[in-house]
């Protein structure tokens, strides 16, 4: 069997926005994913360990507590800073504050980008490291070989029943490559996407004097979102120009999201 030797990370430039070409998922529809790997989709904060620092999806370095990364390996890891299901707000607020406690947050890893071999072999490189460094706050996300389409939806049902967000599907035989890929798919009962806020619409009736709806724009075009807002959101709406996440169920005949509802303001730095 070929010896697996991790490739060391190339040092990234120290700047306010270091570019990392993250691997990004497309939506699962009817693709044949037999023999792919599936795992729970974690609702955490994406993070890339470059061998020296943890970097956000927007290219900024996180500032974990002193000693947090002391037992991290000297090669890249891609994953999510995560503590548990339905804890996104807590995770996001914690990892973006200076001098906060990360005691319940670990880096949950789904790939070792620079290691050799297929996905399972790349993760085995990290597993060997963790055996020698058991105090590292790192977890390898369990990858399950897909039997068939029914297996995928059974797993989705199981994850959602536990309060999880969805399922990730990955072709395990391909090397790690950056950008949005049809070899990495996400599956959820309720889809979500991002858009940029273009304007605010004043509310009527009980929402008079407060936000009624927002105008939003993305690659699908411009559309309105008028539901899903809490009272605090209506009093302090996401600013024009900010990026939000919304949820939806399919598309209208015009190609805009059907039943779009506000979910949250994206909190990337």
Protein backbone atom coordinates (compact mmCIF):
# COMPACT_ATOMS: atom_id res chain seq x y z
CA UNK A 1 0.00 0.00 0.00
CA UNK A 2 1.34 3.43 -0.87
CA UNK A 3 2.69 5.41 2.04
CA UNK A 4 0.59 8.50 2.70
CA UNK A 5 2.73 11.55 3.31
CA UNK A 6 0.96 14.84 4.05
CA UNK A 7 2.11 17.77 2.03
CA UNK A 8 3.03 20.79 4.12
CA UNK A 9 0.98 23.93 3.74
CA UNK A 10 2.39 26.83 1.79
CA UNK A 11 2.57 29.87 4.02
CA UNK A 12 -0.09 32.44 3.13
CA UNK A 13 0.61 36.13 3.03
CA UNK A 14 -0.16 37.97 6.24
CA UNK A 15 -2.82 40.43 5.16
CA UNK A 16 -6.32 41.52 6.19
CA UNK A 17 -7.81 39.28 3.53
CA UNK A 18 -5.77 36.22 2.62
CA UNK A 19 -7.29 34.43 -0.34
CA UNK A 20 -8.15 30.76 0.15
CA UNK A 21 -9.90 28.96 -2.69
CA UNK A 22 -12.51 27.08 -0.66
CA UNK A 23 -14.28 24.05 -2.06
CA UNK A 24 -17.99 24.98 -2.31
CA UNK A 25 -21.06 22.80 -2.80
CA UNK A 26 -23.84 22.77 -5.35
CA UNK A 27 -27.37 21.53 -4.70
CA UNK A 28 -28.27 17.85 -4.86
CA UNK A 29 -31.17 17.13 -7.20
CA UNK A 30 -31.22 13.76 -8.95
CA UNK A 31 -27.51 13.04 -9.41
CA UNK A 32 -26.32 9.46 -9.05
CA UNK A 33 -24.23 9.48 -5.86
CA UNK A 34 -23.89 5.73 -5.37
CA UNK A 35 -20.55 4.97 -3.70
CA UNK A 36 -20.02 8.62 -2.82
CA UNK A 37 -19.36 9.68 0.79
CA UNK A 38 -22.07 11.38 2.82
CA UNK A 39 -21.85 13.22 6.12
CA UNK A 40 -23.93 15.51 8.28
CA UNK A 41 -24.00 19.13 7.11
CA UNK A 42 -22.83 21.09 10.13
CA UNK A 43 -24.25 24.52 10.85
CA UNK A 44 -21.01 26.02 12.06
CA UNK A 45 -18.48 28.58 10.85
CA UNK A 46 -16.29 27.54 7.93
CA UNK A 47 -12.58 27.63 8.71
CA UNK A 48 -9.40 26.67 6.88
CA UNK A 49 -6.22 25.82 8.78
CA UNK A 50 -3.28 26.72 6.55
CA UNK A 51 -0.67 25.13 8.80
CA UNK A 52 -0.17 28.35 10.73
CA UNK A 53 -3.52 30.07 11.29
CA UNK A 54 -7.26 29.56 10.98
CA UNK A 55 -8.79 31.54 8.12
CA UNK A 56 -12.45 32.44 7.55
CA UNK A 57 -14.25 32.04 4.25
CA UNK A 58 -13.77 35.77 3.71
CA UNK A 59 -10.02 35.45 4.15
CA UNK A 60 -9.58 36.84 7.65
CA UNK A 61 -7.58 35.13 10.37
CA UNK A 62 -9.50 34.01 13.45
CA UNK A 63 -8.00 34.78 16.87
CA UNK A 64 -8.51 31.62 18.94
CA UNK A 65 -7.46 31.48 22.58
CA UNK A 66 -3.77 31.01 23.30
CA UNK A 67 -2.76 27.39 22.87
CA UNK A 68 -5.89 26.40 20.94
CA UNK A 69 -3.95 25.45 17.80
CA UNK A 70 -0.81 24.19 19.59
CA UNK A 71 -1.51 20.57 18.58
CA UNK A 72 -2.74 21.30 15.07
CA UNK A 73 -0.79 19.64 12.22
CA UNK A 74 1.62 21.59 9.98
CA UNK A 75 -0.53 21.05 6.87
CA UNK A 76 -3.93 22.35 5.66
CA UNK A 77 -7.31 21.29 7.05
CA UNK A 78 -10.74 22.34 5.79
CA UNK A 79 -13.71 22.18 8.11
CA UNK A 80 -16.18 23.93 10.40
CA UNK A 81 -15.75 25.50 13.80
CA UNK A 82 -18.62 23.75 15.54
CA UNK A 83 -19.96 22.87 18.98
CA UNK A 84 -23.35 21.26 18.35
CA UNK A 85 -26.62 21.36 16.48
CA UNK A 86 -28.66 24.58 16.51
CA UNK A 87 -25.75 26.51 18.05
CA UNK A 88 -24.79 28.71 15.09
CA UNK A 89 -25.35 32.06 16.80
CA UNK A 90 -23.25 31.00 19.79
CA UNK A 91 -20.47 29.61 17.59
CA UNK A 92 -20.41 32.63 15.30
CA UNK A 93 -20.37 35.15 18.13
CA UNK A 94 -17.66 33.25 20.01
CA UNK A 95 -15.16 32.75 17.20
CA UNK A 96 -15.45 36.37 16.04
CA UNK A 97 -14.79 37.91 19.45
CA UNK A 98 -11.32 38.57 20.81
CA UNK A 99 -10.48 36.93 24.14
CA UNK A 100 -13.48 34.59 24.06
CA UNK A 101 -13.55 31.03 25.35
CA UNK A 102 -13.58 28.28 22.73
CA UNK A 103 -13.83 25.47 25.28
CA UNK A 104 -16.80 23.81 23.55
CA UNK A 105 -15.76 24.56 19.96
CA UNK A 106 -13.65 22.23 17.84
CA UNK A 107 -12.56 22.22 14.22
CA UNK A 108 -14.64 19.50 12.55
CA UNK A 109 -12.65 18.47 9.49
CA UNK A 110 -14.03 17.12 6.23
CA UNK A 111 -10.83 17.20 4.16
CA UNK A 112 -7.05 17.35 4.34
CA UNK A 113 -6.50 19.28 1.09
CA UNK A 114 -2.79 18.70 0.49
CA UNK A 115 -2.59 15.02 1.52
CA UNK A 116 -2.34 12.21 -1.03
CA UNK A 117 -4.95 9.65 -2.04
CA UNK A 118 -8.74 9.66 -2.04
CA UNK A 119 -10.89 11.33 0.60
CA UNK A 120 -10.73 8.42 3.04
CA UNK A 121 -6.94 8.21 2.68
CA UNK A 122 -6.53 11.95 3.16
CA UNK A 123 -8.59 11.83 6.35
CA UNK A 124 -6.52 8.85 7.53
CA UNK A 125 -3.46 11.13 7.48
CA UNK A 126 -5.19 13.39 10.00
CA UNK A 127 -6.42 10.43 12.05
CA UNK A 128 -2.81 9.29 12.48
CA UNK A 129 -1.87 12.77 13.66
CA UNK A 130 -4.73 12.81 16.19
CA UNK A 131 -3.64 9.48 17.63
CA UNK A 132 -0.32 11.13 18.47
CA UNK A 133 -1.92 14.46 19.54
CA UNK A 134 -5.13 13.53 21.41
CA UNK A 135 -5.49 16.99 22.99
CA UNK A 136 -5.96 18.73 19.64
CA UNK A 137 -9.47 20.28 19.46
CA UNK A 138 -10.10 18.56 16.13
CA UNK A 139 -12.80 16.10 15.09
CA UNK A 140 -12.92 14.19 11.81
CA UNK A 141 -16.43 14.31 10.36
CA UNK A 142 -17.69 10.77 9.81
CA UNK A 143 -17.99 9.86 6.14
CA UNK A 144 -20.52 7.17 5.21
CA UNK A 145 -20.36 5.32 1.85
CA UNK A 146 -23.63 5.83 -0.04
CA UNK A 147 -25.53 2.69 -1.04
CA UNK A 148 -28.20 4.33 -3.17
CA UNK A 149 -30.61 7.31 -3.34
CA UNK A 150 -32.89 5.79 -0.69
CA UNK A 151 -29.93 5.53 1.67
CA UNK A 152 -29.28 9.27 1.26
CA UNK A 153 -32.85 10.28 2.10
CA UNK A 154 -33.01 7.90 5.04
CA UNK A 155 -29.90 9.54 6.42
CA UNK A 156 -31.34 13.02 5.78
CA UNK A 157 -34.48 12.09 7.71
CA UNK A 158 -32.36 10.79 10.58
CA UNK A 159 -30.23 13.93 10.73
CA UNK A 160 -33.19 16.30 10.58
CA UNK A 161 -34.99 14.33 13.31
CA UNK A 162 -31.99 15.04 15.55
CA UNK A 163 -32.17 18.76 14.78
CA UNK A 164 -29.43 18.71 12.15
CA UNK A 165 -29.38 20.87 9.05
CA UNK A 166 -28.87 18.41 6.20
CA UNK A 167 -26.47 16.13 4.36
CA UNK A 168 -23.27 16.69 2.38
CA UNK A 169 -22.42 14.37 -0.52
CA UNK A 170 -18.91 14.08 -1.89
CA UNK A 171 -17.21 12.14 -4.66
CA UNK A 172 -14.41 10.60 -2.57
CA UNK A 173 -12.19 9.70 -5.51
CA UNK A 174 -11.33 13.24 -6.55
CA UNK A 175 -8.61 15.47 -5.18
CA UNK A 176 -9.47 18.61 -3.25
CA UNK A 177 -10.08 21.50 -5.65
CA UNK A 178 -11.28 25.01 -4.89
CA UNK A 179 -14.43 26.65 -6.24
CA UNK A 180 -18.03 25.52 -6.54
CA UNK A 181 -18.09 21.89 -7.60
CA UNK A 182 -20.64 19.39 -8.87
CA UNK A 183 -18.57 16.77 -7.03
CA UNK A 184 -19.70 18.22 -3.67
CA UNK A 185 -23.44 18.48 -3.12
CA UNK A 186 -25.68 19.58 -0.27
CA UNK A 187 -29.15 18.24 0.48
CA UNK A 188 -31.71 19.81 2.80
CA UNK A 189 -35.49 19.67 2.96
CA UNK A 190 -35.55 23.47 2.99
CA UNK A 191 -32.99 25.17 0.76
CA UNK A 192 -31.13 28.35 1.58
CA UNK A 193 -29.12 30.88 -0.37
CA UNK A 194 -27.60 34.32 0.00
CA UNK A 195 -28.51 37.70 -1.43
CA UNK A 196 -27.49 41.33 -1.04
CA UNK A 197 -29.95 43.75 0.55
CA UNK A 198 -30.84 46.50 -1.92
CA UNK A 199 -33.56 48.45 -0.07
CA UNK A 200 -35.94 48.56 2.90
CA UNK A 201 -39.74 48.72 2.65
CA UNK A 202 -41.64 50.25 5.55
CA UNK A 203 -44.20 48.02 7.20
CA UNK A 204 -47.93 48.50 7.55
CA UNK A 205 -50.39 47.79 10.36
CA UNK A 206 -48.58 46.31 13.37
CA UNK A 207 -45.27 46.88 11.56
CA UNK A 208 -45.94 50.53 10.83
CA UNK A 209 -42.78 52.53 11.48
CA UNK A 210 -40.68 49.37 11.30
CA UNK A 211 -39.31 47.18 8.55
CA UNK A 212 -41.96 45.53 6.41
CA UNK A 213 -39.78 43.84 3.81
CA UNK A 214 -36.39 44.02 2.17
CA UNK A 215 -35.43 44.10 -1.46
CA UNK A 216 -32.77 41.55 -2.29
CA UNK A 217 -30.59 40.74 -5.29
CA UNK A 218 -28.46 37.79 -6.38
CA UNK A 219 -27.82 35.81 -9.55
CA UNK A 220 -31.55 34.98 -9.72
CA UNK A 221 -32.48 38.64 -10.00
CA UNK A 222 -34.25 41.01 -7.61
CA UNK A 223 -37.05 39.98 -5.27
CA UNK A 224 -38.70 40.88 -1.97
CA UNK A 225 -38.48 39.10 1.38
CA UNK A 226 -41.18 40.07 3.86
CA UNK A 227 -41.36 37.20 6.36
CA UNK A 228 -39.09 35.45 8.81
CA UNK A 229 -38.10 38.65 10.61
CA UNK A 230 -38.15 38.83 14.41
CA UNK A 231 -39.23 42.06 16.11
CA UNK A 232 -35.56 42.90 16.73
CA UNK A 233 -34.85 42.48 13.00
CA UNK A 234 -37.68 44.82 12.06
CA UNK A 235 -36.40 47.49 14.47
CA UNK A 236 -32.78 47.01 13.38
CA UNK A 237 -32.90 45.54 9.86
CA UNK A 238 -29.87 44.25 7.95
CA UNK A 239 -28.31 47.30 6.27
CA UNK A 240 -28.52 47.95 2.55
CA UNK A 241 -25.44 46.39 1.02
CA UNK A 242 -25.19 43.62 3.61
CA UNK A 243 -25.46 39.95 2.71
CA UNK A 244 -28.19 37.82 4.26
CA UNK A 245 -29.18 34.17 4.18
CA UNK A 246 -32.76 33.33 3.23
CA UNK A 247 -34.68 30.07 3.02
CA UNK A 248 -37.04 29.01 0.25
CA UNK A 249 -38.96 26.11 -1.28
CA UNK A 250 -38.28 25.84 -4.99
CA UNK A 251 -38.77 28.55 -7.59
CA UNK A 252 -41.60 30.52 -9.18
CA UNK A 253 -42.25 30.49 -12.94
CA UNK A 254 -40.21 33.70 -13.10
CA UNK A 255 -37.26 31.86 -11.57
CA UNK A 256 -37.28 33.70 -8.25
CA UNK A 257 -37.28 31.85 -4.90
CA UNK A 258 -40.69 30.56 -3.79
CA UNK A 259 -41.76 31.36 -0.21
CA UNK A 260 -38.51 33.17 0.54
CA UNK A 261 -38.11 33.94 4.24
CA UNK A 262 -35.38 35.79 6.08
CA UNK A 263 -33.04 33.53 8.07
CA UNK A 264 -30.12 35.62 9.30
CA UNK A 265 -27.52 38.22 8.40
CA UNK A 266 -24.32 36.60 7.24
CA UNK A 267 -21.77 37.17 9.95
CA UNK A 268 -18.55 36.60 7.99
CA UNK A 269 -15.95 39.16 8.94
